[in-house]
């Protein structure tokens, strides 16, 4: 599953109407991929929407503990199953 900014935001924001769907979809995917630019945009979006900074940075920090792999010269991150 290729994760985008809006999907990750829904996953992190329990108050979002689509949070439950996002959690179900993310947890059911065998492989999860996202790009560093998506993560940068996610932090900016969460900050702009006043999502708890600890939630946002905790999530991003967990992703950075997973070794990245190269894909067409860009860095991608595989998200482990929570």
Protein backbone atom coordinates (compact mmCIF):
# COMPACT_ATOMS: atom_id res chain seq x y z
CA UNK A 1 0.00 0.00 0.00
CA UNK A 2 1.36 3.42 -0.96
CA UNK A 3 0.56 5.81 1.87
CA UNK A 4 -0.19 9.46 1.21
CA UNK A 5 -0.39 12.47 3.50
CA UNK A 6 -4.17 12.55 3.88
CA UNK A 7 -4.40 8.85 4.70
CA UNK A 8 -1.68 9.09 7.32
CA UNK A 9 -3.35 12.16 8.81
CA UNK A 10 -6.64 10.26 9.12
CA UNK A 11 -4.71 7.42 10.76
CA UNK A 12 -3.18 9.75 13.36
CA UNK A 13 -6.20 11.96 14.13
CA UNK A 14 -8.69 9.94 16.19
CA UNK A 15 -11.21 12.77 15.81
CA UNK A 16 -11.22 12.49 12.00
CA UNK A 17 -14.36 10.94 10.50
CA UNK A 18 -12.23 8.53 8.45
CA UNK A 19 -9.92 7.48 11.29
CA UNK A 20 -11.45 4.03 11.72
CA UNK A 21 -11.22 3.29 8.01
CA UNK A 22 -7.62 4.49 7.90
CA UNK A 23 -6.65 2.30 10.85
CA UNK A 24 -8.33 -0.76 9.31
CA UNK A 25 -6.75 -0.24 5.91
CA UNK A 26 -3.27 0.46 7.27
CA UNK A 27 -3.31 -2.56 9.56
CA UNK A 28 -4.62 -4.89 6.84
CA UNK A 29 -1.92 -4.01 4.29
CA UNK A 30 0.90 -6.53 4.00
CA UNK A 31 3.35 -3.88 2.79
CA UNK A 32 3.24 -0.16 3.50
CA UNK A 33 5.36 2.34 1.61
CA UNK A 34 5.65 6.09 1.80
CA UNK A 35 8.11 8.76 0.72
CA UNK A 36 10.13 11.15 2.88
CA UNK A 37 8.35 14.08 1.20
CA UNK A 38 5.02 12.65 2.36
CA UNK A 39 6.33 12.53 5.92
CA UNK A 40 7.53 16.13 5.70
CA UNK A 41 4.12 17.18 4.40
CA UNK A 42 2.42 15.15 7.14
CA UNK A 43 4.30 17.01 9.88
CA UNK A 44 3.33 20.35 8.33
CA UNK A 45 -0.33 19.29 7.99
CA UNK A 46 -0.54 18.01 11.56
CA UNK A 47 1.03 21.22 12.83
CA UNK A 48 -1.37 23.39 10.81
CA UNK A 49 -4.36 21.40 12.10
CA UNK A 50 -3.07 21.50 15.69
CA UNK A 51 -2.78 17.74 16.12
CA UNK A 52 -0.87 16.86 19.28
CA UNK A 53 2.82 17.22 18.43
CA UNK A 54 3.71 14.13 20.49
CA UNK A 55 1.44 11.97 18.32
CA UNK A 56 2.90 13.35 15.09
CA UNK A 57 6.56 13.23 16.03
CA UNK A 58 6.21 9.90 17.82
CA UNK A 59 4.81 8.35 14.65
CA UNK A 60 7.51 9.84 12.42
CA UNK A 61 10.22 8.86 14.92
CA UNK A 62 9.03 5.24 14.84
CA UNK A 63 9.28 5.23 11.05
CA UNK A 64 12.84 6.48 11.13
CA UNK A 65 13.89 3.45 13.17
CA UNK A 66 13.08 1.24 10.15
CA UNK A 67 15.92 1.04 7.60
CA UNK A 68 14.99 2.74 4.29
CA UNK A 69 15.34 1.09 0.92
CA UNK A 70 16.22 2.75 -2.36
CA UNK A 71 13.63 3.02 -5.11
CA UNK A 72 14.53 4.80 -8.36
CA UNK A 73 17.04 6.99 -6.57
CA UNK A 74 14.58 8.25 -3.96
CA UNK A 75 14.33 7.15 -0.35
CA UNK A 76 11.21 5.21 0.59
CA UNK A 77 10.25 3.99 4.02
CA UNK A 78 8.54 0.70 4.76
CA UNK A 79 6.24 0.89 7.76
CA UNK A 80 6.25 -2.17 10.00
CA UNK A 81 3.00 -3.61 11.29
CA UNK A 82 2.10 -1.88 14.58
